Amino acid sequence: MSGSTESMTTSGLNQERTFGEQIVTFLLHYGAYLAFMGVLVYFSIESKVFLTPRNIIGLLQQVAVLAVVTFGLATVVMGGGTHVISGGIDLSLGALIGLLSGLMAVMMRDAYPIPVALGAGLLTGLAVGAINGSVVVYLRVLPLLATLAMMYVLGGVELLVTNNLVVSIDNALVSFLADTVWFGIPVSIYILLAVFLIFYIVLHETRLGVYIQAIGGNKDAAVRSGLGVQRLSVLSYVLAGFAAWVSAILVIGRLSGSTRGIGPLMLLDIILATYVSAMFSRRQQVNVPGAFLGALFVAVLSNGFTMINVPTYWTFGVKGLLVLTVVAATSYQQKRKGRR
């Protein structure tokens, strides 16, 4: 009799665990979509201007700046893994955007030809990416520490280049980015879509992308397979530098120049959008389409909180809590996979 009772108790516990696991699995797979829809509905109710065409256009332009650089950080994370300490991360991307926008704006203000200014920005972005990757790969400094140090270096260089001033410019590039509209859609959105296609094809449709993801998934296995792990790891940081360059160009078009402190302000949004991308994937892995949705989600939060006059400190608090939640959910999912 006691054996039967124990069997029934065990069966009941197993059923409860199974039901609980089903709920957790459902939330991991669809929680981000539900949260996104809930946020859209809430802001639509609370603000009459949230869904107006003018606000939507402004929101999409805001998304363009954030999403492009998020593709870059997603590349680094995909190539380095999501481990909190040793995984792929680039904390210097926000500061790099600040430096590149300041550098290119100063050169344009000082009458350098636009192609020369853009070329200098591109070379600087690629060089910073290569330095970050080389320090991580060849000197074996933890990515978290290497890119944190680079963040402060770039912040100092930005102040030096811009003389700690707001740089305003008015030229053909700014006019093109700020005023050009094709079929009712600003040109910055087309740039965003073009960069999205580049990163999506490279990382999800080519052998190079498969190799980068293989390194991030299991570095030891990638080494045993004969992949050029070091070269590909450095390349992921270089691609992030390229993304920061494009994002800096969009910043110049949006602000008609550059402004102080934009890097630190963007960093939290970049990290949040990148890690939220894993929640838009059934495999709970950082990916380019998810990064697009993650950037849109973060931009909607920022825009919506502004529309309903939520204080800035609450906005940062909510975003910080979301980063913690997403990282915890991703870590939990990886542990579940490890137990299977």
C-alpha atoms as a PDB file:
ATOM      1  CA  MET A   1       0.000   0.000   0.000  1.00  0.00           C
ATOM      2  CA  SER A   2       2.796   2.383   0.945  1.00  0.00           C
ATOM      3  CA  GLY A   3       4.594   1.521  -2.305  1.00  0.00           C
ATOM      4  CA  SER A   4       1.464   2.422  -4.250  1.00  0.00           C
ATOM      5  CA  THR A   5       1.187   5.711  -2.357  1.00  0.00           C
ATOM      6  CA  GLU A   6       4.831   6.550  -3.053  1.00  0.00           C
ATOM      7  CA  SER A   7       4.308   5.717  -6.733  1.00  0.00           C
ATOM      8  CA  MET A   8       1.289   7.999  -6.921  1.00  0.00           C
ATOM      9  CA  THR A   9       3.201  10.792  -5.146  1.00  0.00           C
ATOM     10  CA  THR A  10       6.167  10.430  -7.503  1.00  0.00           C
ATOM     11  CA  SER A  11       3.828  10.423 -10.495  1.00  0.00           C
ATOM     12  CA  GLY A  12       2.133  13.583  -9.247  1.00  0.00           C
ATOM     13  CA  LEU A  13       5.478  15.327  -8.743  1.00  0.00           C
ATOM     14  CA  ASN A  14       6.602  14.319 -12.218  1.00  0.00           C
ATOM     15  CA  GLN A  15       3.372  15.685 -13.685  1.00  0.00           C
ATOM     16  CA  GLU A  16       3.856  18.963 -11.800  1.00  0.00           C
ATOM     17  CA  ARG A  17       7.436  19.196 -13.032  1.00  0.00           C
ATOM     18  CA  THR A  18       6.363  18.429 -16.566  1.00  0.00           C
ATOM     19  CA  PHE A  19       3.639  21.076 -16.420  1.00  0.00           C
ATOM     20  CA  GLY A  20       6.060  23.583 -14.894  1.00  0.00           C
ATOM     21  CA  GLU A  21       8.666  22.839 -17.545  1.00  0.00           C
ATOM     22  CA  GLN A  22       6.051  23.304 -20.255  1.00  0.00           C
ATOM     23  CA  ILE A  23       5.204  26.749 -18.880  1.00  0.00           C
ATOM     24  CA  VAL A  24       8.901  27.694 -18.691  1.00  0.00           C
ATOM     25  CA  THR A  25       9.492  26.431 -22.225  1.00  0.00           C
ATOM     26  CA  PHE A  26       6.499  28.389 -23.504  1.00  0.00           C
ATOM     27  CA  LEU A  27       7.729  31.576 -21.845  1.00  0.00           C
ATOM     28  CA  LEU A  28      11.259  31.081 -23.172  1.00  0.00           C
ATOM     29  CA  HIS A  29       9.960  30.583 -26.711  1.00  0.00           C
ATOM     30  CA  TYR A  30       7.199  33.175 -26.820  1.00  0.00           C
ATOM     31  CA  GLY A  31       7.705  35.442 -23.802  1.00  0.00           C
ATOM     32  CA  ALA A  32       9.592  38.090 -25.780  1.00  0.00           C
ATOM     33  CA  TYR A  33       6.855  38.293 -28.413  1.00  0.00           C
ATOM     34  CA  LEU A  34       4.165  38.557 -25.730  1.00  0.00           C
ATOM     35  CA  ALA A  35       6.123  41.256 -23.893  1.00  0.00           C
ATOM     36  CA  PHE A  36       6.639  43.172 -27.137  1.00  0.00           C
ATOM     37  CA  MET A  37       2.948  43.065 -27.993  1.00  0.00           C
ATOM     38  CA  GLY A  38       2.030  44.050 -24.447  1.00  0.00           C
ATOM     39  CA  VAL A  39       4.355  47.058 -24.557  1.00  0.00           C
ATOM     40  CA  LEU A  40       2.903  48.189 -27.895  1.00  0.00           C
ATOM     41  CA  VAL A  41      -0.661  47.907 -26.621  1.00  0.00           C
ATOM     42  CA  TYR A  42       0.156  49.705 -23.368  1.00  0.00           C
ATOM     43  CA  PHE A  43       1.877  52.673 -25.016  1.00  0.00           C
ATOM     44  CA  SER A  44      -0.869  52.876 -27.643  1.00  0.00           C
ATOM     45  CA  ILE A  45      -3.445  53.237 -24.879  1.00  0.00           C
ATOM     46  CA  GLU A  46      -1.435  55.618 -22.704  1.00  0.00           C
ATOM     47  CA  SER A  47      -0.292  57.972 -25.467  1.00  0.00           C
ATOM     48  CA  LYS A  48      -2.455  59.288 -28.288  1.00  0.00           C
ATOM     49  CA  VAL A  49       0.593  60.272 -30.347  1.00  0.00           C
ATOM     50  CA  PHE A  50       2.444  56.949 -30.045  1.00  0.00           C
ATOM     51  CA  LEU A  51       0.942  55.479 -33.244  1.00  0.00           C
ATOM     52  CA  THR A  52       0.903  58.689 -35.257  1.00  0.00           C
ATOM     53  CA  PRO A  53       2.826  58.539 -38.560  1.00  0.00           C
ATOM     54  CA  ARG A  54       5.249  61.234 -37.408  1.00  0.00           C
ATOM     55  CA  ASN A  55       6.178  59.355 -34.242  1.00  0.00           C
ATOM     56  CA  ILE A  56       6.473  56.046 -36.081  1.00  0.00           C
ATOM     57  CA  ILE A  57       8.881  57.581 -38.609  1.00  0.00           C
ATOM     58  CA  GLY A  58      10.967  59.057 -35.796  1.00  0.00           C
ATOM     59  CA  LEU A  59      10.934  55.698 -34.019  1.00  0.00           C
ATOM     60  CA  LEU A  60      12.172  53.895 -37.125  1.00  0.00           C
ATOM     61  CA  GLN A  61      15.017  56.388 -37.520  1.00  0.00           C
ATOM     62  CA  GLN A  62      15.937  55.777 -33.895  1.00  0.00           C
ATOM     63  CA  VAL A  63      15.840  52.031 -34.555  1.00  0.00           C
ATOM     64  CA  ALA A  64      18.206  52.420 -37.510  1.00  0.00           C
ATOM     65  CA  VAL A  65      20.998  53.898 -35.369  1.00  0.00           C
ATOM     66  CA  LEU A  66      20.615  51.228 -32.673  1.00  0.00           C
ATOM     67  CA  ALA A  67      19.952  48.175 -34.830  1.00  0.00           C
ATOM     68  CA  VAL A  68      22.998  48.600 -37.072  1.00  0.00           C
ATOM     69  CA  VAL A  69      25.478  48.587 -34.187  1.00  0.00           C
ATOM     70  CA  THR A  70      23.514  45.784 -32.528  1.00  0.00           C
ATOM     71  CA  PHE A  71      24.261  43.604 -35.554  1.00  0.00           C
ATOM     72  CA  GLY A  72      27.928  44.215 -34.801  1.00  0.00           C
ATOM     73  CA  LEU A  73      27.718  43.209 -31.150  1.00  0.00           C
ATOM     74  CA  ALA A  74      25.590  40.202 -32.105  1.00  0.00           C
ATOM     75  CA  THR A  75      28.429  39.100 -34.398  1.00  0.00           C
ATOM     76  CA  VAL A  76      30.940  39.300 -31.539  1.00  0.00           C
ATOM     77  CA  VAL A  77      28.658  37.351 -29.194  1.00  0.00           C
ATOM     78  CA  MET A  78      27.912  34.725 -31.842  1.00  0.00           C
ATOM     79  CA  GLY A  79      31.645  34.265 -32.394  1.00  0.00           C
ATOM     80  CA  GLY A  80      32.640  34.258 -28.741  1.00  0.00           C
ATOM     81  CA  GLY A  81      29.715  32.656 -26.954  1.00  0.00           C
ATOM     82  CA  THR A  82      27.405  34.046 -24.284  1.00  0.00           C
ATOM     83  CA  HIS A  83      29.406  33.175 -21.179  1.00  0.00           C
ATOM     84  CA  VAL A  84      29.222  36.188 -18.864  1.00  0.00           C
ATOM     85  CA  ILE A  85      32.996  36.333 -18.204  1.00  0.00           C
ATOM     86  CA  SER A  86      34.788  34.636 -21.084  1.00  0.00           C
ATOM     87  CA  GLY A  87      32.179  34.964 -23.842  1.00  0.00           C
ATOM     88  CA  GLY A  88      32.142  37.411 -26.714  1.00  0.00           C
ATOM     89  CA  ILE A  89      31.394  41.014 -25.768  1.00  0.00           C
ATOM     90  CA  ASP A  90      32.440  44.460 -26.937  1.00  0.00           C
ATOM     91  CA  LEU A  91      31.747  47.198 -24.414  1.00  0.00           C
ATOM     92  CA  SER A  92      33.593  49.751 -26.528  1.00  0.00           C
ATOM     93  CA  LEU A  93      31.044  49.951 -29.353  1.00  0.00           C
ATOM     94  CA  GLY A  94      29.114  52.857 -27.856  1.00  0.00           C
ATOM     95  CA  ALA A  95      32.313  54.833 -27.311  1.00  0.00           C
ATOM     96  CA  LEU A  96      33.456  53.912 -30.818  1.00  0.00           C
ATOM     97  CA  ILE A  97      30.276  55.391 -32.282  1.00  0.00           C
ATOM     98  CA  GLY A  98      30.938  58.567 -30.312  1.00  0.00           C
ATOM     99  CA  LEU A  99      34.522  58.766 -31.558  1.00  0.00           C
ATOM    100  CA  LEU A 100      33.678  58.000 -35.187  1.00  0.00           C
ATOM    101  CA  SER A 101      30.796  60.459 -35.343  1.00  0.00           C
ATOM    102  CA  GLY A 102      32.987  63.123 -33.727  1.00  0.00           C
ATOM    103  CA  LEU A 103      35.962  62.406 -35.986  1.00  0.00           C
ATOM    104  CA  MET A 104      33.958  62.469 -39.210  1.00  0.00           C
ATOM    105  CA  ALA A 105      31.968  65.536 -38.151  1.00  0.00           C
ATOM    106  CA  VAL A 106      35.151  67.470 -37.275  1.00  0.00           C
ATOM    107  CA  MET A 107      36.769  66.567 -40.592  1.00  0.00           C
ATOM    108  CA  MET A 108      33.672  67.650 -42.529  1.00  0.00           C
ATOM    109  CA  ARG A 109      33.475  70.876 -40.518  1.00  0.00           C
ATOM    110  CA  ASP A 110      37.112  71.544 -41.366  1.00  0.00           C
ATOM    111  CA  ALA A 111      36.345  71.238 -45.087  1.00  0.00           C
ATOM    112  CA  TYR A 112      37.751  67.766 -45.736  1.00  0.00           C
ATOM    113  CA  PRO A 113      35.933  66.091 -48.642  1.00  0.00           C
ATOM    114  CA  ILE A 114      33.087  63.853 -47.491  1.00  0.00           C
ATOM    115  CA  PRO A 115      34.654  60.675 -48.972  1.00  0.00           C
ATOM    116  CA  VAL A 116      37.910  61.393 -47.121  1.00  0.00           C
ATOM    117  CA  ALA A 117      36.080  61.902 -43.822  1.00  0.00           C
ATOM    118  CA  LEU A 118      34.027  58.749 -44.316  1.00  0.00           C
ATOM    119  CA  GLY A 119      37.135  56.792 -45.293  1.00  0.00           C
ATOM    120  CA  ALA A 120      38.981  57.949 -42.183  1.00  0.00           C
ATOM    121  CA  GLY A 121      36.019  56.885 -40.062  1.00  0.00           C
ATOM    122  CA  LEU A 122      35.864  53.473 -41.714  1.00  0.00           C
ATOM    123  CA  LEU A 123      39.589  52.811 -41.281  1.00  0.00           C
ATOM    124  CA  THR A 124      39.399  53.893 -37.636  1.00  0.00           C
ATOM    125  CA  GLY A 125      36.425  51.626 -36.959  1.00  0.00           C
ATOM    126  CA  LEU A 126      38.076  48.617 -38.581  1.00  0.00           C
ATOM    127  CA  ALA A 127      41.367  49.331 -36.791  1.00  0.00           C
ATOM    128  CA  VAL A 128      39.690  49.521 -33.377  1.00  0.00           C
ATOM    129  CA  GLY A 129      37.877  46.266 -34.105  1.00  0.00           C
ATOM    130  CA  ALA A 130      41.137  44.607 -35.123  1.00  0.00           C
ATOM    131  CA  ILE A 131      42.890  45.863 -31.978  1.00  0.00           C
ATOM    132  CA  ASN A 132      40.083  44.602 -29.758  1.00  0.00           C
ATOM    133  CA  GLY A 133      40.116  41.223 -31.441  1.00  0.00           C
ATOM    134  CA  SER A 134      43.903  40.920 -31.338  1.00  0.00           C
ATOM    135  CA  VAL A 135      44.089  41.807 -27.639  1.00  0.00           C
ATOM    136  CA  VAL A 136      41.416  39.206 -26.851  1.00  0.00           C
ATOM    137  CA  VAL A 137      42.768  36.467 -29.131  1.00  0.00           C
ATOM    138  CA  TYR A 138      46.544  36.854 -29.064  1.00  0.00           C
ATOM    139  CA  LEU A 139      47.125  38.470 -25.665  1.00  0.00           C
ATOM    140  CA  ARG A 140      44.302  36.393 -24.153  1.00  0.00           C
ATOM    141  CA  VAL A 141      42.805  39.248 -22.205  1.00  0.00           C
ATOM    142  CA  LEU A 142      39.204  38.630 -21.191  1.00  0.00           C
ATOM    143  CA  PRO A 143      36.881  40.349 -23.717  1.00  0.00           C
ATOM    144  CA  LEU A 144      35.030  42.068 -20.888  1.00  0.00           C
ATOM    145  CA  LEU A 145      38.212  43.716 -19.600  1.00  0.00           C
ATOM    146  CA  ALA A 146      39.834  44.368 -22.977  1.00  0.00           C
ATOM    147  CA  THR A 147      36.845  46.175 -24.416  1.00  0.00           C
ATOM    148  CA  LEU A 148      36.139  47.989 -21.148  1.00  0.00           C
ATOM    149  CA  ALA A 149      39.653  49.442 -21.292  1.00  0.00           C
ATOM    150  CA  MET A 150      39.155  50.334 -24.959  1.00  0.00           C
ATOM    151  CA  MET A 151      35.889  52.054 -24.081  1.00  0.00           C
ATOM    152  CA  TYR A 152      37.712  54.484 -21.808  1.00  0.00           C
ATOM    153  CA  VAL A 153      40.516  55.009 -24.321  1.00  0.00           C
ATOM    154  CA  LEU A 154      38.044  55.856 -27.074  1.00  0.00           C
ATOM    155  CA  GLY A 155      36.102  58.159 -24.776  1.00  0.00           C
ATOM    156  CA  GLY A 156      39.263  60.121 -24.078  1.00  0.00           C
ATOM    157  CA  VAL A 157      40.230  60.276 -27.747  1.00  0.00           C
ATOM    158  CA  GLU A 158      36.750  61.537 -28.628  1.00  0.00           C
ATOM    159  CA  LEU A 159      37.118  64.419 -26.176  1.00  0.00           C
ATOM    160  CA  LEU A 160      40.513  65.206 -27.692  1.00  0.00           C
ATOM    161  CA  VAL A 161      39.256  65.126 -31.280  1.00  0.00           C
ATOM    162  CA  THR A 162      36.121  67.192 -30.641  1.00  0.00           C
ATOM    163  CA  ASN A 163      37.710  69.424 -27.981  1.00  0.00           C
ATOM    164  CA  ASN A 164      34.788  68.349 -25.794  1.00  0.00           C
ATOM    165  CA  LEU A 165      32.390  70.386 -27.926  1.00  0.00           C
ATOM    166  CA  VAL A 166      29.205  69.708 -29.848  1.00  0.00           C
ATOM    167  CA  VAL A 167      30.156  69.643 -33.543  1.00  0.00           C
ATOM    168  CA  SER A 168      27.516  70.926 -35.948  1.00  0.00           C
ATOM    169  CA  ILE A 169      27.771  70.549 -39.707  1.00  0.00           C
ATOM    170  CA  ASP A 170      25.575  71.268 -42.690  1.00  0.00           C
ATOM    171  CA  ASN A 171      26.613  69.580 -45.914  1.00  0.00           C
ATOM    172  CA  ALA A 172      25.378  67.269 -48.645  1.00  0.00           C
ATOM    173  CA  LEU A 173      25.703  64.120 -46.509  1.00  0.00           C
ATOM    174  CA  VAL A 174      23.637  65.560 -43.660  1.00  0.00           C
ATOM    175  CA  SER A 175      20.999  66.790 -46.094  1.00  0.00           C
ATOM    176  CA  PHE A 176      20.878  63.400 -47.795  1.00  0.00           C
ATOM    177  CA  LEU A 177      20.510  61.468 -44.539  1.00  0.00           C
ATOM    178  CA  ALA A 178      18.137  63.908 -42.874  1.00  0.00           C
ATOM    179  CA  ASP A 179      15.879  64.928 -45.735  1.00  0.00           C
ATOM    180  CA  THR A 180      15.853  62.169 -48.351  1.00  0.00           C
ATOM    181  CA  VAL A 181      12.623  60.184 -48.427  1.00  0.00           C
ATOM    182  CA  TRP A 182      11.825  57.420 -50.907  1.00  0.00           C
ATOM    183  CA  PHE A 183       8.202  56.256 -51.133  1.00  0.00           C
ATOM    184  CA  GLY A 184       7.463  57.897 -47.805  1.00  0.00           C
ATOM    185  CA  ILE A 185      10.329  56.132 -46.002  1.00  0.00           C
ATOM    186  CA  PRO A 186      13.483  57.971 -44.816  1.00  0.00           C
ATOM    187  CA  VAL A 187      16.735  56.876 -46.436  1.00  0.00           C
ATOM    188  CA  SER A 188      18.131  55.798 -43.061  1.00  0.00           C
ATOM    189  CA  ILE A 189      15.625  52.940 -43.023  1.00  0.00           C
ATOM    190  CA  TYR A 190      16.912  51.733 -46.390  1.00  0.00           C
ATOM    191  CA  ILE A 191      20.458  51.853 -45.014  1.00  0.00           C
ATOM    192  CA  LEU A 192      19.301  49.813 -42.028  1.00  0.00           C
ATOM    193  CA  LEU A 193      17.718  47.191 -44.292  1.00  0.00           C
ATOM    194  CA  ALA A 194      20.843  47.021 -46.467  1.00  0.00           C
ATOM    195  CA  VAL A 195      23.112  46.465 -43.453  1.00  0.00           C
ATOM    196  CA  PHE A 196      20.663  43.917 -42.051  1.00  0.00           C
ATOM    197  CA  LEU A 197      20.804  41.939 -45.298  1.00  0.00           C
ATOM    198  CA  ILE A 198      24.608  42.056 -45.315  1.00  0.00           C
ATOM    199  CA  PHE A 199      24.926  40.721 -41.774  1.00  0.00           C
ATOM    200  CA  TYR A 200      22.110  38.208 -42.192  1.00  0.00           C
ATOM    201  CA  ILE A 201      23.591  36.737 -45.367  1.00  0.00           C
ATOM    202  CA  VAL A 202      27.153  36.695 -44.008  1.00  0.00           C
ATOM    203  CA  LEU A 203      26.280  35.165 -40.640  1.00  0.00           C
ATOM    204  CA  HIS A 204      23.342  32.916 -41.492  1.00  0.00           C
ATOM    205  CA  GLU A 205      23.694  31.996 -45.155  1.00  0.00           C
ATOM    206  CA  THR A 206      27.423  31.550 -45.751  1.00  0.00           C
ATOM    207  CA  ARG A 207      30.104  29.122 -44.650  1.00  0.00           C
ATOM    208  CA  LEU A 208      31.899  31.996 -42.916  1.00  0.00           C
ATOM    209  CA  GLY A 209      28.869  32.564 -40.701  1.00  0.00           C
ATOM    210  CA  VAL A 210      28.648  28.861 -39.892  1.00  0.00           C
ATOM    211  CA  TYR A 211      32.300  28.883 -38.840  1.00  0.00           C
ATOM    212  CA  ILE A 212      31.849  31.967 -36.636  1.00  0.00           C
ATOM    213  CA  GLN A 213      28.844  30.411 -34.916  1.00  0.00           C
ATOM    214  CA  ALA A 214      30.696  27.124 -34.519  1.00  0.00           C
ATOM    215  CA  ILE A 215      33.475  28.931 -32.634  1.00  0.00           C
ATOM    216  CA  GLY A 216      30.973  30.587 -30.336  1.00  0.00           C
ATOM    217  CA  GLY A 217      29.134  27.315 -29.777  1.00  0.00           C
ATOM    218  CA  ASN A 218      32.162  25.159 -28.962  1.00  0.00           C
ATOM    219  CA  LYS A 219      35.603  26.652 -29.387  1.00  0.00           C
ATOM    220  CA  ASP A 220      37.474  23.426 -28.605  1.00  0.00           C
ATOM    221  CA  ALA A 221      35.504  21.493 -31.210  1.00  0.00           C
ATOM    222  CA  ALA A 222      36.141  24.276 -33.736  1.00  0.00           C
ATOM    223  CA  VAL A 223      39.897  24.031 -33.087  1.00  0.00           C
ATOM    224  CA  ARG A 224      39.832  20.247 -33.528  1.00  0.00           C
ATOM    225  CA  SER A 225      37.939  20.729 -36.794  1.00  0.00           C
ATOM    226  CA  GLY A 226      40.795  22.817 -38.153  1.00  0.00           C
ATOM    227  CA  LEU A 227      38.954  26.140 -38.307  1.00  0.00           C
ATOM    228  CA  GLY A 228      41.001  29.330 -38.197  1.00  0.00           C
ATOM    229  CA  VAL A 229      39.637  30.192 -34.771  1.00  0.00           C
ATOM    230  CA  GLN A 230      41.951  33.119 -34.056  1.00  0.00           C
ATOM    231  CA  ARG A 231      41.483  34.751 -37.444  1.00  0.00           C
ATOM    232  CA  LEU A 232      37.707  34.358 -37.342  1.00  0.00           C
ATOM    233  CA  SER A 233      37.486  35.672 -33.793  1.00  0.00           C
ATOM    234  CA  VAL A 234      39.385  38.821 -34.765  1.00  0.00           C
ATOM    235  CA  LEU A 235      37.150  39.153 -37.835  1.00  0.00           C
ATOM    236  CA  SER A 236      34.037  39.229 -35.635  1.00  0.00           C
ATOM    237  CA  TYR A 237      35.389  42.316 -33.858  1.00  0.00           C
ATOM    238  CA  VAL A 238      36.318  43.922 -37.176  1.00  0.00           C
ATOM    239  CA  LEU A 239      32.750  43.423 -38.410  1.00  0.00           C
ATOM    240  CA  ALA A 240      31.540  45.087 -35.218  1.00  0.00           C
ATOM    241  CA  GLY A 241      33.803  48.047 -36.009  1.00  0.00           C
ATOM    242  CA  PHE A 242      32.241  48.272 -39.460  1.00  0.00           C
ATOM    243  CA  ALA A 243      28.744  48.284 -37.931  1.00  0.00           C
ATOM    244  CA  ALA A 244      29.765  51.057 -35.519  1.00  0.00           C
ATOM    245  CA  TRP A 245      30.996  53.119 -38.490  1.00  0.00           C
ATOM    246  CA  VAL A 246      27.655  52.848 -40.311  1.00  0.00           C
ATOM    247  CA  SER A 247      25.810  53.671 -37.095  1.00  0.00           C
ATOM    248  CA  ALA A 248      28.038  56.729 -36.586  1.00  0.00           C
ATOM    249  CA  ILE A 249      27.120  57.976 -40.067  1.00  0.00           C
ATOM    250  CA  LEU A 250      23.442  57.637 -39.173  1.00  0.00           C
ATOM    251  CA  VAL A 251      24.099  59.545 -35.939  1.00  0.00           C
ATOM    252  CA  ILE A 252      25.652  62.401 -37.935  1.00  0.00           C
ATOM    253  CA  GLY A 253      22.598  62.516 -40.186  1.00  0.00           C
ATOM    254  CA  ARG A 254      20.212  62.437 -37.240  1.00  0.00           C
ATOM    255  CA  LEU A 255      22.011  65.072 -35.144  1.00  0.00           C
ATOM    256  CA  SER A 256      23.519  67.127 -37.995  1.00  0.00           C
ATOM    257  CA  GLY A 257      26.909  66.465 -36.440  1.00  0.00           C
ATOM    258  CA  SER A 258      28.050  64.883 -33.215  1.00  0.00           C
ATOM    259  CA  THR A 259      27.376  65.431 -29.548  1.00  0.00           C
ATOM    260  CA  ARG A 260      29.234  64.630 -26.358  1.00  0.00           C
ATOM    261  CA  GLY A 261      28.513  61.513 -24.363  1.00  0.00           C
ATOM    262  CA  ILE A 262      26.444  59.634 -26.925  1.00  0.00           C
ATOM    263  CA  GLY A 263      28.488  56.445 -26.452  1.00  0.00           C
ATOM    264  CA  PRO A 264      27.730  55.766 -22.776  1.00  0.00           C
ATOM    265  CA  LEU A 265      24.061  56.573 -23.384  1.00  0.00           C
ATOM    266  CA  MET A 266      23.849  53.992 -26.172  1.00  0.00           C
ATOM    267  CA  LEU A 267      25.801  51.202 -24.493  1.00  0.00           C
ATOM    268  CA  LEU A 268      22.993  49.838 -22.317  1.00  0.00           C
ATOM    269  CA  ASP A 269      20.586  49.849 -25.274  1.00  0.00           C
ATOM    270  CA  ILE A 270      23.127  48.028 -27.465  1.00  0.00           C
ATOM    271  CA  ILE A 271      23.685  45.311 -24.870  1.00  0.00           C
ATOM    272  CA  LEU A 272      19.976  44.933 -24.146  1.00  0.00           C
ATOM    273  CA  ALA A 273      18.997  44.718 -27.814  1.00  0.00           C
ATOM    274  CA  THR A 274      21.721  42.144 -28.466  1.00  0.00           C
ATOM    275  CA  TYR A 275      20.807  39.788 -25.646  1.00  0.00           C
ATOM    276  CA  VAL A 276      17.075  40.221 -26.207  1.00  0.00           C
ATOM    277  CA  SER A 277      17.715  38.788 -29.682  1.00  0.00           C
ATOM    278  CA  ALA A 278      18.211  35.381 -28.062  1.00  0.00           C
ATOM    279  CA  MET A 279      14.661  35.553 -26.716  1.00  0.00           C
ATOM    280  CA  PHE A 280      13.361  36.004 -30.260  1.00  0.00           C
ATOM    281  CA  SER A 281      14.936  32.665 -31.230  1.00  0.00           C
ATOM    282  CA  ARG A 282      13.578  29.204 -30.483  1.00  0.00           C
ATOM    283  CA  ARG A 283      17.158  28.078 -29.832  1.00  0.00           C
ATOM    284  CA  GLN A 284      17.710  30.954 -27.393  1.00  0.00           C
ATOM    285  CA  GLN A 285      20.814  32.065 -29.250  1.00  0.00           C
ATOM    286  CA  VAL A 286      21.883  35.550 -30.270  1.00  0.00           C
ATOM    287  CA  ASN A 287      21.115  36.063 -33.964  1.00  0.00           C
ATOM    288  CA  VAL A 288      20.786  38.831 -36.540  1.00  0.00           C
ATOM    289  CA  PRO A 289      16.976  38.760 -37.120  1.00  0.00           C
ATOM    290  CA  GLY A 290      16.498  38.690 -33.352  1.00  0.00           C
ATOM    291  CA  ALA A 291      18.887  41.640 -33.023  1.00  0.00           C
ATOM    292  CA  PHE A 292      16.654  43.584 -35.395  1.00  0.00           C
ATOM    293  CA  LEU A 293      13.594  42.820 -33.270  1.00  0.00           C
ATOM    294  CA  GLY A 294      15.560  43.463 -30.082  1.00  0.00           C
ATOM    295  CA  ALA A 295      16.587  46.910 -31.285  1.00  0.00           C
ATOM    296  CA  LEU A 296      12.981  47.646 -32.259  1.00  0.00           C
ATOM    297  CA  PHE A 297      11.803  46.514 -28.818  1.00  0.00           C
ATOM    298  CA  VAL A 298      14.344  48.714 -27.014  1.00  0.00           C
ATOM    299  CA  ALA A 299      13.550  51.707 -29.226  1.00  0.00           C
ATOM    300  CA  VAL A 300       9.830  51.258 -28.553  1.00  0.00           C
ATOM    301  CA  LEU A 301      10.538  51.240 -24.807  1.00  0.00           C
ATOM    302  CA  SER A 302      12.613  54.430 -25.007  1.00  0.00           C
ATOM    303  CA  ASN A 303      10.118  56.179 -27.257  1.00  0.00           C
ATOM    304  CA  GLY A 304       7.083  55.047 -25.285  1.00  0.00           C
ATOM    305  CA  PHE A 305       8.516  56.078 -21.928  1.00  0.00           C
ATOM    306  CA  THR A 306       9.245  59.509 -23.406  1.00  0.00           C
ATOM    307  CA  MET A 307       5.702  59.794 -24.744  1.00  0.00           C
ATOM    308  CA  ILE A 308       4.165  59.120 -21.327  1.00  0.00           C
ATOM    309  CA  ASN A 309       6.714  61.294 -19.470  1.00  0.00           C
ATOM    310  CA  VAL A 310       8.386  58.560 -17.441  1.00  0.00           C
ATOM    311  CA  PRO A 311      11.500  59.927 -15.650  1.00  0.00           C
ATOM    312  CA  THR A 312      14.828  58.915 -17.149  1.00  0.00           C
ATOM    313  CA  TYR A 313      15.996  57.080 -14.038  1.00  0.00           C
ATOM    314  CA  TRP A 314      12.994  54.738 -14.246  1.00  0.00           C
ATOM    315  CA  THR A 315      13.764  54.093 -17.910  1.00  0.00           C
ATOM    316  CA  PHE A 316      17.349  53.080 -17.106  1.00  0.00           C
ATOM    317  CA  GLY A 317      16.113  50.975 -14.209  1.00  0.00           C
ATOM    318  CA  VAL A 318      13.669  49.048 -16.392  1.00  0.00           C
ATOM    319  CA  LYS A 319      16.297  48.473 -19.074  1.00  0.00           C
ATOM    320  CA  GLY A 320      18.828  47.260 -16.515  1.00  0.00           C
ATOM    321  CA  LEU A 321      16.265  44.849 -15.079  1.00  0.00           C
ATOM    322  CA  LEU A 322      15.520  43.575 -18.585  1.00  0.00           C
ATOM    323  CA  VAL A 323      19.218  42.925 -19.246  1.00  0.00           C
ATOM    324  CA  LEU A 324      19.423  40.890 -16.038  1.00  0.00           C
ATOM    325  CA  THR A 325      16.246  38.967 -16.893  1.00  0.00           C
ATOM    326  CA  VAL A 326      17.332  38.144 -20.442  1.00  0.00           C
ATOM    327  CA  VAL A 327      20.826  37.017 -19.422  1.00  0.00           C
ATOM    328  CA  ALA A 328      19.376  34.886 -16.622  1.00  0.00           C
ATOM    329  CA  ALA A 329      16.827  33.305 -18.976  1.00  0.00           C
ATOM    330  CA  THR A 330      19.496  32.538 -21.568  1.00  0.00           C
ATOM    331  CA  SER A 331      21.784  30.996 -18.934  1.00  0.00           C
ATOM    332  CA  TYR A 332      18.912  28.898 -17.611  1.00  0.00           C
ATOM    333  CA  GLN A 333      18.099  27.606 -21.079  1.00  0.00           C
ATOM    334  CA  GLN A 334      21.735  26.654 -21.672  1.00  0.00           C
ATOM    335  CA  LYS A 335      21.824  24.750 -18.379  1.00  0.00           C
ATOM    336  CA  ARG A 336      18.655  22.882 -19.378  1.00  0.00           C
ATOM    337  CA  LYS A 337      20.252  21.883 -22.658  1.00  0.00           C
ATOM    338  CA  GLY A 338      23.360  20.723 -20.801  1.00  0.00           C
ATOM    339  CA  ARG A 339      21.276  18.429 -18.594  1.00  0.00           C
ATOM    340  CA  ARG A 340      19.621  16.746 -21.561  1.00  0.00           C
END
